[in-house]
């Protein structure tokens, strides 16, 4: 539980450095969680798969997010020496560890906001 190791007072005094803040630094940028969702749930590995299935993402943003996820050791990039060049992205062990977190986020929405699921208006 949050604060058990150091105590709740330490957490209050160091709120900028808490584990939740750290997780949000890793995952809180727009589209990062959706990329991970697509990799975990839909087994997507290719750049164009992400652009085709994540509403509103553009190539520049997708490239930036993939690089950040790779830098944070949540995914790995594999380049195949073919013509044309083929690049795929795969989850690392750390990336796969997020599966239960994403499942809990989905369960939260299903339980608390069932009318909004798949009915988003843009």
PDB file of N, CA and C in Angstrom:
ATOM      1  N   UNK A   1       0.840  -1.182   0.000  1.00  0.00           N
ATOM      2  CA  UNK A   1       0.000   0.000   0.000  1.00  0.00           C
ATOM      3  C   UNK A   1       0.886   1.248   0.000  1.00  0.00           C
ATOM      4  N   UNK A   2       0.391   2.279  -0.623  1.00  0.00           N
ATOM      5  CA  UNK A   2       1.133   3.520  -0.739  1.00  0.00           C
ATOM      6  C   UNK A   2       1.503   4.064   0.630  1.00  0.00           C
ATOM      7  N   UNK A   3       2.773   4.314   0.837  1.00  0.00           N
ATOM      8  CA  UNK A   3       3.224   4.921   2.084  1.00  0.00           C
ATOM      9  C   UNK A   3       3.628   3.937   3.152  1.00  0.00           C
ATOM     10  N   UNK A   4       3.443   2.645   2.962  1.00  0.00           N
ATOM     11  CA  UNK A   4       3.774   1.683   4.006  1.00  0.00           C
ATOM     12  C   UNK A   4       5.262   1.633   4.291  1.00  0.00           C
ATOM     13  N   UNK A   5       6.079   1.657   3.246  1.00  0.00           N
ATOM     14  CA  UNK A   5       7.517   1.507   3.451  1.00  0.00           C
ATOM     15  C   UNK A   5       8.114   2.689   4.204  1.00  0.00           C
ATOM     16  N   UNK A   6       7.733   3.917   3.825  1.00  0.00           N
ATOM     17  CA  UNK A   6       8.310   5.111   4.434  1.00  0.00           C
ATOM     18  C   UNK A   6       7.360   5.785   5.417  1.00  0.00           C
ATOM     19  N   UNK A   7       6.123   5.454   5.378  1.00  0.00           N
ATOM     20  CA  UNK A   7       5.136   6.119   6.218  1.00  0.00           C
ATOM     21  C   UNK A   7       4.401   7.187   5.434  1.00  0.00           C
ATOM     22  N   UNK A   8       3.181   7.418   5.808  1.00  0.00           N
ATOM     23  CA  UNK A   8       2.318   8.351   5.086  1.00  0.00           C
ATOM     24  C   UNK A   8       2.836   9.780   5.161  1.00  0.00           C
ATOM     25  N   UNK A   9       3.478  10.137   6.249  1.00  0.00           N
ATOM     26  CA  UNK A   9       4.025  11.497   6.375  1.00  0.00           C
ATOM     27  C   UNK A   9       5.130  11.727   5.350  1.00  0.00           C
ATOM     28  N   UNK A  10       5.979  10.727   5.144  1.00  0.00           N
ATOM     29  CA  UNK A  10       7.041  10.850   4.140  1.00  0.00           C
ATOM     30  C   UNK A  10       6.415  11.053   2.771  1.00  0.00           C
ATOM     31  N   UNK A  11       5.362  10.286   2.477  1.00  0.00           N
ATOM     32  CA  UNK A  11       4.685  10.410   1.180  1.00  0.00           C
ATOM     33  C   UNK A  11       4.107  11.809   1.024  1.00  0.00           C
ATOM     34  N   UNK A  12       3.473  12.325   2.071  1.00  0.00           N
ATOM     35  CA  UNK A  12       2.888  13.669   1.998  1.00  0.00           C
ATOM     36  C   UNK A  12       3.956  14.723   1.742  1.00  0.00           C
ATOM     37  N   UNK A  13       5.100  14.579   2.384  1.00  0.00           N
ATOM     38  CA  UNK A  13       6.184  15.556   2.230  1.00  0.00           C
ATOM     39  C   UNK A  13       6.888  15.431   0.888  1.00  0.00           C
ATOM     40  N   UNK A  14       6.816  14.272   0.288  1.00  0.00           N
ATOM     41  CA  UNK A  14       7.535  14.016  -0.962  1.00  0.00           C
ATOM     42  C   UNK A  14       6.584  13.654  -2.095  1.00  0.00           C
ATOM     43  N   UNK A  15       5.439  14.295  -2.112  1.00  0.00           N
ATOM     44  CA  UNK A  15       4.381  13.924  -3.057  1.00  0.00           C
ATOM     45  C   UNK A  15       4.826  14.005  -4.520  1.00  0.00           C
ATOM     46  N   UNK A  16       5.737  14.915  -4.839  1.00  0.00           N
ATOM     47  CA  UNK A  16       6.210  15.021  -6.221  1.00  0.00           C
ATOM     48  C   UNK A  16       6.960  13.770  -6.656  1.00  0.00           C
ATOM     49  N   UNK A  17       7.447  13.000  -5.700  1.00  0.00           N
ATOM     50  CA  UNK A  17       8.294  11.854  -6.014  1.00  0.00           C
ATOM     51  C   UNK A  17       7.612  10.519  -5.699  1.00  0.00           C
ATOM     52  N   UNK A  18       6.296  10.530  -5.578  1.00  0.00           N
ATOM     53  CA  UNK A  18       5.582   9.312  -5.200  1.00  0.00           C
ATOM     54  C   UNK A  18       5.512   8.336  -6.375  1.00  0.00           C
ATOM     55  N   UNK A  19       5.214   7.065  -6.101  1.00  0.00           N
ATOM     56  CA  UNK A  19       5.151   6.058  -7.166  1.00  0.00           C
ATOM     57  C   UNK A  19       4.090   6.353  -8.218  1.00  0.00           C
ATOM     58  N   UNK A  20       2.989   6.942  -7.823  1.00  0.00           N
ATOM     59  CA  UNK A  20       1.944   7.270  -8.799  1.00  0.00           C
ATOM     60  C   UNK A  20       2.438   8.354  -9.746  1.00  0.00           C
ATOM     61  N   UNK A  21       3.113   9.345  -9.201  1.00  0.00           N
ATOM     62  CA  UNK A  21       3.680  10.405 -10.039  1.00  0.00           C
ATOM     63  C   UNK A  21       4.690   9.830 -11.021  1.00  0.00           C
ATOM     64  N   UNK A  22       5.511   8.914 -10.547  1.00  0.00           N
ATOM     65  CA  UNK A  22       6.489   8.278 -11.423  1.00  0.00           C
ATOM     66  C   UNK A  22       5.795   7.502 -12.541  1.00  0.00           C
ATOM     67  N   UNK A  23       4.743   6.750 -12.201  1.00  0.00           N
ATOM     68  CA  UNK A  23       4.007   6.001 -13.217  1.00  0.00           C
ATOM     69  C   UNK A  23       3.380   6.936 -14.245  1.00  0.00           C
ATOM     70  N   UNK A  24       2.849   8.047 -13.783  1.00  0.00           N
ATOM     71  CA  UNK A  24       2.246   9.003 -14.713  1.00  0.00           C
ATOM     72  C   UNK A  24       3.299   9.648 -15.607  1.00  0.00           C
ATOM     73  N   UNK A  25       4.506   9.840 -15.092  1.00  0.00           N
ATOM     74  CA  UNK A  25       5.594  10.343 -15.937  1.00  0.00           C
ATOM     75  C   UNK A  25       5.889   9.351 -17.063  1.00  0.00           C
ATOM     76  N   UNK A  26       5.790   8.062 -16.760  1.00  0.00           N
ATOM     77  CA  UNK A  26       6.070   7.026 -17.754  1.00  0.00           C
ATOM     78  C   UNK A  26       4.926   6.830 -18.742  1.00  0.00           C
ATOM     79  N   UNK A  27       3.695   6.953 -18.258  1.00  0.00           N
ATOM     80  CA  UNK A  27       2.537   6.559 -19.061  1.00  0.00           C
ATOM     81  C   UNK A  27       1.538   7.664 -19.355  1.00  0.00           C
ATOM     82  N   UNK A  28       1.720   8.823 -18.746  1.00  0.00           N
ATOM     83  CA  UNK A  28       0.691   9.849 -18.794  1.00  0.00           C
ATOM     84  C   UNK A  28       0.605  10.679 -20.050  1.00  0.00           C
ATOM     85  N   UNK A  29       1.564  10.548 -20.936  1.00  0.00           N
ATOM     86  CA  UNK A  29       1.487  11.338 -22.160  1.00  0.00           C
ATOM     87  C   UNK A  29       0.432  10.764 -23.086  1.00  0.00           C
ATOM     88  N   UNK A  30      -0.163  11.658 -23.849  1.00  0.00           N
ATOM     89  CA  UNK A  30      -1.272  11.287 -24.727  1.00  0.00           C
ATOM     90  C   UNK A  30      -0.892  10.107 -25.626  1.00  0.00           C
ATOM     91  N   UNK A  31      -1.750   9.126 -25.671  1.00  0.00           N
ATOM     92  CA  UNK A  31      -1.684   7.938 -26.512  1.00  0.00           C
ATOM     93  C   UNK A  31      -0.769   6.828 -25.996  1.00  0.00           C
ATOM     94  N   UNK A  32       0.066   7.071 -24.999  1.00  0.00           N
ATOM     95  CA  UNK A  32       0.998   6.039 -24.527  1.00  0.00           C
ATOM     96  C   UNK A  32       0.246   4.794 -24.057  1.00  0.00           C
ATOM     97  N   UNK A  33      -0.769   4.979 -23.248  1.00  0.00           N
ATOM     98  CA  UNK A  33      -1.526   3.837 -22.723  1.00  0.00           C
ATOM     99  C   UNK A  33      -2.272   3.129 -23.854  1.00  0.00           C
ATOM    100  N   UNK A  34      -2.753   3.885 -24.832  1.00  0.00           N
ATOM    101  CA  UNK A  34      -3.475   3.257 -25.945  1.00  0.00           C
ATOM    102  C   UNK A  34      -2.544   2.415 -26.813  1.00  0.00           C
ATOM    103  N   UNK A  35      -1.317   2.840 -26.971  1.00  0.00           N
ATOM    104  CA  UNK A  35      -0.328   2.034 -27.705  1.00  0.00           C
ATOM    105  C   UNK A  35      -0.091   0.726 -26.960  1.00  0.00           C
ATOM    106  N   UNK A  36       0.109   0.829 -25.654  1.00  0.00           N
ATOM    107  CA  UNK A  36       0.317  -0.372 -24.842  1.00  0.00           C
ATOM    108  C   UNK A  36      -0.923  -1.271 -24.875  1.00  0.00           C
ATOM    109  N   UNK A  37      -2.114  -0.661 -24.794  1.00  0.00           N
ATOM    110  CA  UNK A  37      -3.358  -1.434 -24.894  1.00  0.00           C
ATOM    111  C   UNK A  37      -3.392  -2.228 -26.196  1.00  0.00           C
ATOM    112  N   UNK A  38      -3.063  -1.563 -27.305  1.00  0.00           N
ATOM    113  CA  UNK A  38      -3.110  -2.233 -28.603  1.00  0.00           C
ATOM    114  C   UNK A  38      -2.096  -3.371 -28.681  1.00  0.00           C
ATOM    115  N   UNK A  39      -0.964  -3.189 -28.046  1.00  0.00           N
ATOM    116  CA  UNK A  39       0.049  -4.240 -28.054  1.00  0.00           C
ATOM    117  C   UNK A  39      -0.381  -5.420 -27.185  1.00  0.00           C
ATOM    118  N   UNK A  40      -0.977  -5.124 -26.035  1.00  0.00           N
ATOM    119  CA  UNK A  40      -1.379  -6.177 -25.102  1.00  0.00           C
ATOM    120  C   UNK A  40      -2.652  -6.881 -25.573  1.00  0.00           C
ATOM    121  N   UNK A  41      -3.662  -6.123 -25.907  1.00  0.00           N
ATOM    122  CA  UNK A  41      -4.971  -6.697 -26.219  1.00  0.00           C
ATOM    123  C   UNK A  41      -5.062  -7.179 -27.663  1.00  0.00           C
ATOM    124  N   UNK A  42      -4.600  -6.355 -28.600  1.00  0.00           N
ATOM    125  CA  UNK A  42      -4.775  -6.662 -30.017  1.00  0.00           C
ATOM    126  C   UNK A  42      -3.520  -7.234 -30.675  1.00  0.00           C
ATOM    127  N   UNK A  43      -2.463  -7.392 -29.891  1.00  0.00           N
ATOM    128  CA  UNK A  43      -1.199  -7.971 -30.367  1.00  0.00           C
ATOM    129  C   UNK A  43      -0.611  -7.208 -31.550  1.00  0.00           C
ATOM    130  N   UNK A  44      -0.841  -5.901 -31.586  1.00  0.00           N
ATOM    131  CA  UNK A  44      -0.290  -5.092 -32.669  1.00  0.00           C
ATOM    132  C   UNK A  44       1.210  -4.872 -32.453  1.00  0.00           C
ATOM    133  N   UNK A  45       1.934  -4.871 -33.563  1.00  0.00           N
ATOM    134  CA  UNK A  45       3.383  -4.692 -33.509  1.00  0.00           C
ATOM    135  C   UNK A  45       3.901  -3.675 -34.521  1.00  0.00           C
ATOM    136  N   UNK A  46       3.057  -3.238 -35.452  1.00  0.00           N
ATOM    137  CA  UNK A  46       3.518  -2.406 -36.564  1.00  0.00           C
ATOM    138  C   UNK A  46       2.995  -0.982 -36.459  1.00  0.00           C
ATOM    139  N   UNK A  47       3.817  -0.051 -36.925  1.00  0.00           N
ATOM    140  CA  UNK A  47       3.518   1.378 -36.892  1.00  0.00           C
ATOM    141  C   UNK A  47       2.153   1.674 -37.505  1.00  0.00           C
ATOM    142  N   UNK A  48       1.905   1.161 -38.696  1.00  0.00           N
ATOM    143  CA  UNK A  48       0.647   1.449 -39.392  1.00  0.00           C
ATOM    144  C   UNK A  48      -0.564   0.860 -38.678  1.00  0.00           C
ATOM    145  N   UNK A  49      -0.385  -0.232 -37.957  1.00  0.00           N
ATOM    146  CA  UNK A  49      -1.491  -0.786 -37.178  1.00  0.00           C
ATOM    147  C   UNK A  49      -1.927   0.217 -36.107  1.00  0.00           C
ATOM    148  N   UNK A  50      -0.949   0.864 -35.488  1.00  0.00           N
ATOM    149  CA  UNK A  50      -1.273   1.846 -34.454  1.00  0.00           C
ATOM    150  C   UNK A  50      -1.971   3.066 -35.054  1.00  0.00           C
ATOM    151  N   UNK A  51      -1.460   3.573 -36.171  1.00  0.00           N
ATOM    152  CA  UNK A  51      -2.085   4.755 -36.773  1.00  0.00           C
ATOM    153  C   UNK A  51      -3.490   4.452 -37.270  1.00  0.00           C
ATOM    154  N   UNK A  52      -3.729   3.223 -37.685  1.00  0.00           N
ATOM    155  CA  UNK A  52      -5.051   2.842 -38.191  1.00  0.00           C
ATOM    156  C   UNK A  52      -6.083   2.639 -37.084  1.00  0.00           C
ATOM    157  N   UNK A  53      -5.643   2.362 -35.861  1.00  0.00           N
ATOM    158  CA  UNK A  53      -6.595   1.974 -34.808  1.00  0.00           C
ATOM    159  C   UNK A  53      -6.614   2.897 -33.597  1.00  0.00           C
ATOM    160  N   UNK A  54      -5.739   3.887 -33.549  1.00  0.00           N
ATOM    161  CA  UNK A  54      -5.756   4.851 -32.447  1.00  0.00           C
ATOM    162  C   UNK A  54      -6.241   6.180 -33.007  1.00  0.00           C
ATOM    163  N   UNK A  55      -7.459   6.530 -32.665  1.00  0.00           N
ATOM    164  CA  UNK A  55      -8.099   7.720 -33.203  1.00  0.00           C
ATOM    165  C   UNK A  55      -7.348   8.984 -32.803  1.00  0.00           C
ATOM    166  N   UNK A  56      -6.996   9.795 -33.788  1.00  0.00           N
ATOM    167  CA  UNK A  56      -6.396  11.100 -33.533  1.00  0.00           C
ATOM    168  C   UNK A  56      -4.884  11.117 -33.456  1.00  0.00           C
ATOM    169  N   UNK A  57      -4.230   9.977 -33.511  1.00  0.00           N
ATOM    170  CA  UNK A  57      -2.771   9.964 -33.420  1.00  0.00           C
ATOM    171  C   UNK A  57      -2.175  10.251 -34.802  1.00  0.00           C
ATOM    172  N   UNK A  58      -1.104  11.018 -34.823  1.00  0.00           N
ATOM    173  CA  UNK A  58      -0.410  11.264 -36.084  1.00  0.00           C
ATOM    174  C   UNK A  58       0.970  10.619 -36.026  1.00  0.00           C
ATOM    175  N   UNK A  59       1.631  10.540 -37.156  1.00  0.00           N
ATOM    176  CA  UNK A  59       2.910   9.834 -37.254  1.00  0.00           C
ATOM    177  C   UNK A  59       3.977  10.427 -36.335  1.00  0.00           C
ATOM    178  N   UNK A  60       4.028  11.748 -36.235  1.00  0.00           N
ATOM    179  CA  UNK A  60       5.041  12.401 -35.398  1.00  0.00           C
ATOM    180  C   UNK A  60       4.840  12.048 -33.922  1.00  0.00           C
ATOM    181  N   UNK A  61       3.600  12.109 -33.461  1.00  0.00           N
ATOM    182  CA  UNK A  61       3.305  11.787 -32.070  1.00  0.00           C
ATOM    183  C   UNK A  61       3.536  10.314 -31.797  1.00  0.00           C
ATOM    184  N   UNK A  62       3.120   9.456 -32.710  1.00  0.00           N
ATOM    185  CA  UNK A  62       3.324   8.024 -32.532  1.00  0.00           C
ATOM    186  C   UNK A  62       4.810   7.704 -32.435  1.00  0.00           C
ATOM    187  N   UNK A  63       5.604   8.296 -33.298  1.00  0.00           N
ATOM    188  CA  UNK A  63       7.049   8.076 -33.260  1.00  0.00           C
ATOM    189  C   UNK A  63       7.620   8.505 -31.909  1.00  0.00           C
ATOM    190  N   UNK A  64       7.206   9.662 -31.425  1.00  0.00           N
ATOM    191  CA  UNK A  64       7.694  10.156 -30.131  1.00  0.00           C
ATOM    192  C   UNK A  64       7.300   9.206 -29.000  1.00  0.00           C
ATOM    193  N   UNK A  65       6.051   8.746 -28.991  1.00  0.00           N
ATOM    194  CA  UNK A  65       5.592   7.850 -27.917  1.00  0.00           C
ATOM    195  C   UNK A  65       6.310   6.510 -27.965  1.00  0.00           C
ATOM    196  N   UNK A  66       6.484   5.955 -29.159  1.00  0.00           N
ATOM    197  CA  UNK A  66       7.197   4.688 -29.277  1.00  0.00           C
ATOM    198  C   UNK A  66       8.629   4.827 -28.763  1.00  0.00           C
ATOM    199  N   UNK A  67       9.281   5.921 -29.078  1.00  0.00           N
ATOM    200  CA  UNK A  67      10.652   6.147 -28.589  1.00  0.00           C
ATOM    201  C   UNK A  67      10.688   6.273 -27.071  1.00  0.00           C
ATOM    202  N   UNK A  68       9.690   6.973 -26.502  1.00  0.00           N
ATOM    203  CA  UNK A  68       9.629   7.116 -25.038  1.00  0.00           C
ATOM    204  C   UNK A  68       9.384   5.775 -24.362  1.00  0.00           C
ATOM    205  N   UNK A  69       8.463   4.992 -24.915  1.00  0.00           N
ATOM    206  CA  UNK A  69       8.179   3.674 -24.341  1.00  0.00           C
ATOM    207  C   UNK A  69       9.407   2.771 -24.438  1.00  0.00           C
ATOM    208  N   UNK A  70      10.148   2.897 -25.527  1.00  0.00           N
ATOM    209  CA  UNK A  70      11.379   2.116 -25.685  1.00  0.00           C
ATOM    210  C   UNK A  70      12.445   2.593 -24.696  1.00  0.00           C
ATOM    211  N   UNK A  71      12.591   3.887 -24.563  1.00  0.00           N
ATOM    212  CA  UNK A  71      13.572   4.460 -23.627  1.00  0.00           C
ATOM    213  C   UNK A  71      13.271   4.030 -22.181  1.00  0.00           C
ATOM    214  N   UNK A  72      11.985   3.865 -21.867  1.00  0.00           N
ATOM    215  CA  UNK A  72      11.581   3.457 -20.519  1.00  0.00           C
ATOM    216  C   UNK A  72      11.521   1.937 -20.362  1.00  0.00           C
ATOM    217  N   UNK A  73      12.025   1.206 -21.356  1.00  0.00           N
ATOM    218  CA  UNK A  73      12.128  -0.255 -21.317  1.00  0.00           C
ATOM    219  C   UNK A  73      10.771  -0.938 -21.190  1.00  0.00           C
ATOM    220  N   UNK A  74       9.732  -0.331 -21.785  1.00  0.00           N
ATOM    221  CA  UNK A  74       8.416  -0.958 -21.808  1.00  0.00           C
ATOM    222  C   UNK A  74       8.189  -1.709 -23.112  1.00  0.00           C
ATOM    223  N   UNK A  75       8.893  -1.290 -24.164  1.00  0.00           N
ATOM    224  CA  UNK A  75       8.833  -1.977 -25.451  1.00  0.00           C
ATOM    225  C   UNK A  75      10.245  -2.059 -26.028  1.00  0.00           C
ATOM    226  N   UNK A  76      10.411  -2.942 -27.000  1.00  0.00           N
ATOM    227  CA  UNK A  76      11.652  -3.014 -27.766  1.00  0.00           C
ATOM    228  C   UNK A  76      11.309  -2.875 -29.239  1.00  0.00           C
ATOM    229  N   UNK A  77      12.229  -2.318 -29.967  1.00  0.00           N
ATOM    230  CA  UNK A  77      12.077  -2.107 -31.409  1.00  0.00           C
ATOM    231  C   UNK A  77      12.971  -3.108 -32.120  1.00  0.00           C
ATOM    232  N   UNK A  78      12.397  -3.818 -33.080  1.00  0.00           N
ATOM    233  CA  UNK A  78      13.178  -4.782 -33.853  1.00  0.00           C
ATOM    234  C   UNK A  78      13.105  -4.412 -35.321  1.00  0.00           C
ATOM    235  N   UNK A  79      14.279  -4.247 -35.923  1.00  0.00           N
ATOM    236  CA  UNK A  79      14.377  -3.910 -37.340  1.00  0.00           C
ATOM    237  C   UNK A  79      14.788  -5.163 -38.095  1.00  0.00           C
ATOM    238  N   UNK A  80      14.026  -5.479 -39.121  1.00  0.00           N
ATOM    239  CA  UNK A  80      14.323  -6.639 -39.959  1.00  0.00           C
ATOM    240  C   UNK A  80      15.018  -6.152 -41.225  1.00  0.00           C
ATOM    241  N   UNK A  81      16.192  -6.692 -41.520  1.00  0.00           N
ATOM    242  CA  UNK A  81      16.948  -6.233 -42.703  1.00  0.00           C
ATOM    243  C   UNK A  81      16.365  -6.789 -43.996  1.00  0.00           C
ATOM    244  N   UNK A  82      15.224  -6.247 -44.367  1.00  0.00           N
ATOM    245  CA  UNK A  82      14.531  -6.669 -45.582  1.00  0.00           C
ATOM    246  C   UNK A  82      14.338  -5.466 -46.481  1.00  0.00           C
ATOM    247  N   UNK A  83      13.935  -5.724 -47.693  1.00  0.00           N
ATOM    248  CA  UNK A  83      13.566  -4.652 -48.596  1.00  0.00           C
ATOM    249  C   UNK A  83      12.114  -4.877 -48.981  1.00  0.00           C
ATOM    250  N   UNK A  84      11.219  -3.965 -48.646  1.00  0.00           N
ATOM    251  CA  UNK A  84      11.467  -2.762 -47.843  1.00  0.00           C
ATOM    252  C   UNK A  84      11.711  -3.119 -46.371  1.00  0.00           C
ATOM    253  N   UNK A  85      12.343  -2.192 -45.681  1.00  0.00           N
ATOM    254  CA  UNK A  85      12.687  -2.369 -44.276  1.00  0.00           C
ATOM    255  C   UNK A  85      11.419  -2.597 -43.457  1.00  0.00           C
ATOM    256  N   UNK A  86      11.475  -3.540 -42.537  1.00  0.00           N
ATOM    257  CA  UNK A  86      10.326  -3.829 -41.673  1.00  0.00           C
ATOM    258  C   UNK A  86      10.752  -3.604 -40.235  1.00  0.00           C
ATOM    259  N   UNK A  87       9.901  -2.868 -39.498  1.00  0.00           N
ATOM    260  CA  UNK A  87      10.151  -2.572 -38.091  1.00  0.00           C
ATOM    261  C   UNK A  87       8.936  -3.031 -37.294  1.00  0.00           C
ATOM    262  N   UNK A  88       9.192  -3.727 -36.184  1.00  0.00           N
ATOM    263  CA  UNK A  88       8.120  -4.150 -35.301  1.00  0.00           C
ATOM    264  C   UNK A  88       8.486  -3.799 -33.867  1.00  0.00           C
ATOM    265  N   UNK A  89       7.464  -3.660 -33.061  1.00  0.00           N
ATOM    266  CA  UNK A  89       7.623  -3.307 -31.647  1.00  0.00           C
ATOM    267  C   UNK A  89       7.031  -4.418 -30.801  1.00  0.00           C
ATOM    268  N   UNK A  90       7.733  -4.752 -29.724  1.00  0.00           N
ATOM    269  CA  UNK A  90       7.300  -5.828 -28.843  1.00  0.00           C
ATOM    270  C   UNK A  90       7.369  -5.365 -27.394  1.00  0.00           C
ATOM    271  N   UNK A  91       6.459  -5.881 -26.598  1.00  0.00           N
ATOM    272  CA  UNK A  91       6.449  -5.561 -25.175  1.00  0.00           C
ATOM    273  C   UNK A  91       7.598  -6.259 -24.468  1.00  0.00           C
ATOM    274  N   UNK A  92       8.196  -5.558 -23.516  1.00  0.00           N
ATOM    275  CA  UNK A  92       9.178  -6.172 -22.638  1.00  0.00           C
ATOM    276  C   UNK A  92       8.435  -6.782 -21.456  1.00  0.00           C
ATOM    277  N   UNK A  93       9.170  -7.389 -20.561  1.00  0.00           N
ATOM    278  CA  UNK A  93       8.564  -7.928 -19.346  1.00  0.00           C
ATOM    279  C   UNK A  93       7.910  -6.806 -18.536  1.00  0.00           C
ATOM    280  N   UNK A  94       8.577  -5.656 -18.474  1.00  0.00           N
ATOM    281  CA  UNK A  94       7.989  -4.500 -17.774  1.00  0.00           C
ATOM    282  C   UNK A  94       6.702  -4.052 -18.447  1.00  0.00           C
ATOM    283  N   UNK A  95       6.694  -4.033 -19.764  1.00  0.00           N
ATOM    284  CA  UNK A  95       5.494  -3.643 -20.494  1.00  0.00           C
ATOM    285  C   UNK A  95       4.345  -4.605 -20.238  1.00  0.00           C
ATOM    286  N   UNK A  96       4.649  -5.899 -20.235  1.00  0.00           N
ATOM    287  CA  UNK A  96       3.608  -6.905 -19.973  1.00  0.00           C
ATOM    288  C   UNK A  96       3.095  -6.815 -18.545  1.00  0.00           C
ATOM    289  N   UNK A  97       3.920  -6.311 -17.636  1.00  0.00           N
ATOM    290  CA  UNK A  97       3.494  -6.165 -16.240  1.00  0.00           C
ATOM    291  C   UNK A  97       2.367  -5.147 -16.101  1.00  0.00           C
ATOM    292  N   UNK A  98       2.140  -4.337 -17.131  1.00  0.00           N
ATOM    293  CA  UNK A  98       1.062  -3.347 -17.106  1.00  0.00           C
ATOM    294  C   UNK A  98      -0.293  -3.952 -17.480  1.00  0.00           C
ATOM    295  N   UNK A  99      -0.325  -5.186 -17.933  1.00  0.00           N
ATOM    296  CA  UNK A  99      -1.584  -5.806 -18.347  1.00  0.00           C
ATOM    297  C   UNK A  99      -2.640  -5.755 -17.238  1.00  0.00           C
ATOM    298  N   UNK A 100      -2.342  -6.153 -16.001  1.00  0.00           N
ATOM    299  CA  UNK A 100      -3.385  -6.080 -14.967  1.00  0.00           C
ATOM    300  C   UNK A 100      -3.816  -4.643 -14.657  1.00  0.00           C
ATOM    301  N   UNK A 101      -2.921  -3.695 -14.815  1.00  0.00           N
ATOM    302  CA  UNK A 101      -3.274  -2.290 -14.599  1.00  0.00           C
ATOM    303  C   UNK A 101      -4.295  -1.845 -15.641  1.00  0.00           C
ATOM    304  N   UNK A 102      -4.055  -2.187 -16.900  1.00  0.00           N
ATOM    305  CA  UNK A 102      -4.987  -1.828 -17.965  1.00  0.00           C
ATOM    306  C   UNK A 102      -6.316  -2.557 -17.793  1.00  0.00           C
ATOM    307  N   UNK A 103      -6.260  -3.800 -17.346  1.00  0.00           N
ATOM    308  CA  UNK A 103      -7.498  -4.532 -17.086  1.00  0.00           C
ATOM    309  C   UNK A 103      -8.307  -3.863 -15.974  1.00  0.00           C
ATOM    310  N   UNK A 104      -7.633  -3.360 -14.952  1.00  0.00           N
ATOM    311  CA  UNK A 104      -8.321  -2.665 -13.865  1.00  0.00           C
ATOM    312  C   UNK A 104      -8.917  -1.345 -14.346  1.00  0.00           C
ATOM    313  N   UNK A 105      -8.209  -0.632 -15.218  1.00  0.00           N
ATOM    314  CA  UNK A 105      -8.757   0.603 -15.784  1.00  0.00           C
ATOM    315  C   UNK A 105     -10.020   0.303 -16.594  1.00  0.00           C
ATOM    316  N   UNK A 106      -9.969  -0.771 -17.379  1.00  0.00           N
ATOM    317  CA  UNK A 106     -11.150  -1.162 -18.159  1.00  0.00           C
ATOM    318  C   UNK A 106     -12.301  -1.546 -17.240  1.00  0.00           C
ATOM    319  N   UNK A 107     -12.015  -2.320 -16.203  1.00  0.00           N
ATOM    320  CA  UNK A 107     -13.061  -2.743 -15.261  1.00  0.00           C
ATOM    321  C   UNK A 107     -13.682  -1.540 -14.560  1.00  0.00           C
ATOM    322  N   UNK A 108     -12.878  -0.549 -14.219  1.00  0.00           N
ATOM    323  CA  UNK A 108     -13.380   0.665 -13.580  1.00  0.00           C
ATOM    324  C   UNK A 108     -14.398   1.354 -14.483  1.00  0.00           C
ATOM    325  N   UNK A 109     -14.071   1.507 -15.760  1.00  0.00           N
ATOM    326  CA  UNK A 109     -14.995   2.162 -16.701  1.00  0.00           C
ATOM    327  C   UNK A 109     -16.252   1.341 -16.913  1.00  0.00           C
ATOM    328  N   UNK A 110     -16.097   0.046 -17.044  1.00  0.00           N
ATOM    329  CA  UNK A 110     -17.260  -0.814 -17.252  1.00  0.00           C
ATOM    330  C   UNK A 110     -18.210  -0.727 -16.057  1.00  0.00           C
ATOM    331  N   UNK A 111     -17.642  -0.739 -14.864  1.00  0.00           N
ATOM    332  CA  UNK A 111     -18.466  -0.710 -13.654  1.00  0.00           C
ATOM    333  C   UNK A 111     -19.085   0.664 -13.403  1.00  0.00           C
ATOM    334  N   UNK A 112     -18.330   1.721 -13.628  1.00  0.00           N
ATOM    335  CA  UNK A 112     -18.769   3.050 -13.219  1.00  0.00           C
ATOM    336  C   UNK A 112     -19.299   3.944 -14.337  1.00  0.00           C
ATOM    337  N   UNK A 113     -18.952   3.655 -15.572  1.00  0.00           N
ATOM    338  CA  UNK A 113     -19.376   4.493 -16.698  1.00  0.00           C
ATOM    339  C   UNK A 113     -19.813   3.648 -17.892  1.00  0.00           C
ATOM    340  N   UNK A 114     -20.682   2.673 -17.693  1.00  0.00           N
ATOM    341  CA  UNK A 114     -21.035   1.770 -18.801  1.00  0.00           C
ATOM    342  C   UNK A 114     -21.675   2.474 -19.992  1.00  0.00           C
ATOM    343  N   UNK A 115     -22.383   3.561 -19.766  1.00  0.00           N
ATOM    344  CA  UNK A 115     -23.028   4.275 -20.862  1.00  0.00           C
ATOM    345  C   UNK A 115     -22.070   5.030 -21.763  1.00  0.00           C
ATOM    346  N   UNK A 116     -20.856   5.259 -21.290  1.00  0.00           N
ATOM    347  CA  UNK A 116     -19.885   6.013 -22.078  1.00  0.00           C
ATOM    348  C   UNK A 116     -18.955   5.124 -22.902  1.00  0.00           C
ATOM    349  N   UNK A 117     -18.937   3.848 -22.607  1.00  0.00           N
ATOM    350  CA  UNK A 117     -18.014   2.955 -23.294  1.00  0.00           C
ATOM    351  C   UNK A 117     -18.461   2.768 -24.733  1.00  0.00           C
ATOM    352  N   UNK A 118     -17.550   2.984 -25.646  1.00  0.00           N
ATOM    353  CA  UNK A 118     -17.765   2.856 -27.087  1.00  0.00           C
ATOM    354  C   UNK A 118     -18.807   3.838 -27.617  1.00  0.00           C
ATOM    355  N   UNK A 119     -19.127   4.859 -26.842  1.00  0.00           N
ATOM    356  CA  UNK A 119     -20.090   5.873 -27.302  1.00  0.00           C
ATOM    357  C   UNK A 119     -19.486   7.265 -27.254  1.00  0.00           C
ATOM    358  N   UNK A 120     -18.182   7.360 -27.300  1.00  0.00           N
ATOM    359  CA  UNK A 120     -17.506   8.636 -27.205  1.00  0.00           C
ATOM    360  C   UNK A 120     -17.839   9.486 -28.417  1.00  0.00           C
ATOM    361  N   UNK A 121     -18.142  10.753 -28.189  1.00  0.00           N
ATOM    362  CA  UNK A 121     -18.450  11.672 -29.288  1.00  0.00           C
ATOM    363  C   UNK A 121     -17.278  12.634 -29.453  1.00  0.00           C
ATOM    364  N   UNK A 122     -16.894  12.865 -30.705  1.00  0.00           N
ATOM    365  CA  UNK A 122     -15.760  13.742 -30.982  1.00  0.00           C
ATOM    366  C   UNK A 122     -16.211  15.017 -31.624  1.00  0.00           C
TER     367      UNK A 122
END
